[in-house]
Amino acid sequence: MTLPSGFDDLECWVAEWAIGEEAARNRKRLASSLDQLQAYYNALLPRMDAIIPHLNQYSLDALAPAEQTLLEMALMFMEVAPAVEIYKHPDVPWGFVAERFHILPA
């Protein structure tokens, strides 16, 4: 998996964090430490202002592989953001046990 030109600085995150399925992204968040989530968040946050307009140029059902990888990175960022910004924990404290939720494929 590679990223589009101009996003080379994020390549080091691709192997571990470009995850296509929503349920797999959720499992990754829950299995990660807050430090790992914070590091990913810190890497992606300043790049989101470039990622969003780049992806908006394309139809979601016709993404090239590089753009698909970038989308997966952005979706993982959105999975991580509440844990970092709000909960300060990989899971939702005082919420339902994560295993009670079943994320269905789209």
C-alpha atoms as a PDB file:
ATOM      1  CA  MET A   1       0.000   0.000   0.000  1.00  0.00           C
ATOM      2  CA  THR A   2       1.239   3.418  -0.887  1.00  0.00           C
ATOM      3  CA  LEU A   3      -0.097   6.918  -0.423  1.00  0.00           C
ATOM      4  CA  PRO A   4      -0.667   9.641  -3.013  1.00  0.00           C
ATOM      5  CA  SER A   5       2.158  12.020  -3.803  1.00  0.00           C
ATOM      6  CA  GLY A   6       2.471  14.680  -1.137  1.00  0.00           C
ATOM      7  CA  PHE A   7       1.632  12.356   1.738  1.00  0.00           C
ATOM      8  CA  ASP A   8       4.956  10.535   1.931  1.00  0.00           C
ATOM      9  CA  ASP A   9       5.430  11.706   5.530  1.00  0.00           C
ATOM     10  CA  LEU A  10       2.591   9.375   6.561  1.00  0.00           C
ATOM     11  CA  GLU A  11       3.995   6.222   4.920  1.00  0.00           C
ATOM     12  CA  CYS A  12       5.416   4.946   8.216  1.00  0.00           C
ATOM     13  CA  TRP A  13       1.854   4.636   9.575  1.00  0.00           C
ATOM     14  CA  VAL A  14       0.299   2.770   6.651  1.00  0.00           C
ATOM     15  CA  ALA A  15       1.193  -0.841   7.486  1.00  0.00           C
ATOM     16  CA  GLU A  16      -0.348  -0.691  10.941  1.00  0.00           C
ATOM     17  CA  TRP A  17      -3.074   1.930  10.677  1.00  0.00           C
ATOM     18  CA  ALA A  18      -4.571   1.780   7.139  1.00  0.00           C
ATOM     19  CA  ILE A  19      -7.451  -0.529   7.984  1.00  0.00           C
ATOM     20  CA  GLY A  20     -10.326  -0.964   5.568  1.00  0.00           C
ATOM     21  CA  GLU A  21     -13.073  -2.517   7.684  1.00  0.00           C
ATOM     22  CA  GLU A  22     -14.885  -0.547  10.374  1.00  0.00           C
ATOM     23  CA  ALA A  23     -14.938  -3.453  12.833  1.00  0.00           C
ATOM     24  CA  ALA A  24     -11.188  -3.957  12.370  1.00  0.00           C
ATOM     25  CA  ARG A  25     -10.554  -0.245  12.997  1.00  0.00           C
ATOM     26  CA  ASN A  26     -12.589  -0.508  16.186  1.00  0.00           C
ATOM     27  CA  ARG A  27     -10.606  -3.572  17.324  1.00  0.00           C
ATOM     28  CA  LYS A  28      -7.334  -1.756  16.579  1.00  0.00           C
ATOM     29  CA  ARG A  29      -8.387   1.214  18.712  1.00  0.00           C
ATOM     30  CA  LEU A  30      -9.397  -1.023  21.600  1.00  0.00           C
ATOM     31  CA  ALA A  31      -6.168  -3.043  21.390  1.00  0.00           C
ATOM     32  CA  SER A  32      -3.912   0.043  21.294  1.00  0.00           C
ATOM     33  CA  SER A  33      -2.534   1.967  24.231  1.00  0.00           C
ATOM     34  CA  LEU A  34      -3.496   5.587  24.677  1.00  0.00           C
ATOM     35  CA  ASP A  35       0.125   6.497  23.869  1.00  0.00           C
ATOM     36  CA  GLN A  36      -0.122   4.669  20.527  1.00  0.00           C
ATOM     37  CA  LEU A  37      -3.428   6.357  19.732  1.00  0.00           C
ATOM     38  CA  GLN A  38      -2.009   9.748  20.699  1.00  0.00           C
ATOM     39  CA  ALA A  39       1.023   9.257  18.449  1.00  0.00           C
ATOM     40  CA  TYR A  40      -1.183   8.365  15.464  1.00  0.00           C
ATOM     41  CA  TYR A  41      -3.524  11.248  16.211  1.00  0.00           C
ATOM     42  CA  ASN A  42      -0.591  13.685  16.449  1.00  0.00           C
ATOM     43  CA  ALA A  43       0.758  12.518  13.089  1.00  0.00           C
ATOM     44  CA  LEU A  44      -2.562  12.775  11.236  1.00  0.00           C
ATOM     45  CA  LEU A  45      -4.167  15.851  12.795  1.00  0.00           C
ATOM     46  CA  PRO A  46      -1.971  18.450  11.044  1.00  0.00           C
ATOM     47  CA  ARG A  47      -2.414  16.620   7.713  1.00  0.00           C
ATOM     48  CA  MET A  48      -6.218  16.387   7.774  1.00  0.00           C
ATOM     49  CA  ASP A  49      -6.534  19.856   6.198  1.00  0.00           C
ATOM     50  CA  ALA A  50      -4.723  18.442   3.156  1.00  0.00           C
ATOM     51  CA  ILE A  51      -6.233  14.943   3.234  1.00  0.00           C
ATOM     52  CA  ILE A  52      -9.873  16.030   3.094  1.00  0.00           C
ATOM     53  CA  PRO A  53      -9.690  18.245  -0.021  1.00  0.00           C
ATOM     54  CA  HIS A  54      -7.467  15.688  -1.728  1.00  0.00           C
ATOM     55  CA  LEU A  55     -10.018  12.910  -1.202  1.00  0.00           C
ATOM     56  CA  ASN A  56     -12.943  15.195  -2.095  1.00  0.00           C
ATOM     57  CA  GLN A  57     -11.647  15.253  -5.683  1.00  0.00           C
ATOM     58  CA  TYR A  58     -12.646  11.604  -6.149  1.00  0.00           C
ATOM     59  CA  SER A  59     -15.752   9.474  -6.061  1.00  0.00           C
ATOM     60  CA  LEU A  60     -15.682   7.062  -3.123  1.00  0.00           C
ATOM     61  CA  ASP A  61     -16.647   4.156  -5.352  1.00  0.00           C
ATOM     62  CA  ALA A  62     -13.799   4.806  -7.804  1.00  0.00           C
ATOM     63  CA  LEU A  63     -10.744   5.490  -5.645  1.00  0.00           C
ATOM     64  CA  ALA A  64      -7.306   4.551  -6.893  1.00  0.00           C
ATOM     65  CA  PRO A  65      -5.385   2.296  -4.477  1.00  0.00           C
ATOM     66  CA  ALA A  66      -3.294   5.184  -3.115  1.00  0.00           C
ATOM     67  CA  GLU A  67      -6.394   7.270  -2.399  1.00  0.00           C
ATOM     68  CA  GLN A  68      -8.123   4.250  -0.841  1.00  0.00           C
ATOM     69  CA  THR A  69      -5.182   3.866   1.541  1.00  0.00           C
ATOM     70  CA  LEU A  70      -5.340   7.567   2.406  1.00  0.00           C
ATOM     71  CA  LEU A  71      -9.088   7.245   3.058  1.00  0.00           C
ATOM     72  CA  GLU A  72      -8.455   4.287   5.370  1.00  0.00           C
ATOM     73  CA  MET A  73      -5.870   6.358   7.247  1.00  0.00           C
ATOM     74  CA  ALA A  74      -8.391   9.208   7.623  1.00  0.00           C
ATOM     75  CA  LEU A  75     -11.118   6.830   8.795  1.00  0.00           C
ATOM     76  CA  MET A  76      -8.732   5.404  11.380  1.00  0.00           C
ATOM     77  CA  PHE A  77      -7.999   8.959  12.524  1.00  0.00           C
ATOM     78  CA  MET A  78     -11.734   9.463  13.045  1.00  0.00           C
ATOM     79  CA  GLU A  79     -11.870   6.222  15.036  1.00  0.00           C
ATOM     80  CA  VAL A  80      -8.988   7.398  17.236  1.00  0.00           C
ATOM     81  CA  ALA A  81      -9.994  11.053  17.708  1.00  0.00           C
ATOM     82  CA  PRO A  82     -12.745  10.611  20.359  1.00  0.00           C
ATOM     83  CA  ALA A  83     -10.497   8.307  22.379  1.00  0.00           C
ATOM     84  CA  VAL A  84      -7.778  10.963  22.416  1.00  0.00           C
ATOM     85  CA  GLU A  85      -9.853  14.142  22.564  1.00  0.00           C
ATOM     86  CA  ILE A  86     -12.749  13.132  24.802  1.00  0.00           C
ATOM     87  CA  TYR A  87     -12.272   9.859  26.653  1.00  0.00           C
ATOM     88  CA  LYS A  88      -8.483   9.847  27.188  1.00  0.00           C
ATOM     89  CA  HIS A  89      -8.821   6.067  26.937  1.00  0.00           C
ATOM     90  CA  PRO A  90      -8.967   3.538  24.072  1.00  0.00           C
ATOM     91  CA  ASP A  91     -12.455   2.464  25.180  1.00  0.00           C
ATOM     92  CA  VAL A  92     -15.451   4.494  26.316  1.00  0.00           C
ATOM     93  CA  PRO A  93     -15.166   4.694  30.099  1.00  0.00           C
ATOM     94  CA  TRP A  94     -18.440   3.987  31.877  1.00  0.00           C
ATOM     95  CA  GLY A  95     -19.951   2.839  28.573  1.00  0.00           C
ATOM     96  CA  PHE A  96     -21.183  -0.539  27.481  1.00  0.00           C
ATOM     97  CA  VAL A  97     -18.565  -3.255  27.265  1.00  0.00           C
ATOM     98  CA  ALA A  98     -17.137  -3.123  23.724  1.00  0.00           C
ATOM     99  CA  GLU A  99     -17.866  -6.817  23.148  1.00  0.00           C
ATOM    100  CA  ARG A 100     -21.608  -6.057  23.345  1.00  0.00           C
ATOM    101  CA  PHE A 101     -21.428  -4.084  20.112  1.00  0.00           C
ATOM    102  CA  HIS A 102     -21.496  -5.845  16.765  1.00  0.00           C
ATOM    103  CA  ILE A 103     -20.421  -3.681  13.863  1.00  0.00           C
ATOM    104  CA  LEU A 104     -22.087  -4.927  10.709  1.00  0.00           C
ATOM    105  CA  PRO A 105     -20.374  -4.670   7.302  1.00  0.00           C
ATOM    106  CA  ALA A 106     -21.721  -1.944   5.066  1.00  0.00           C
END
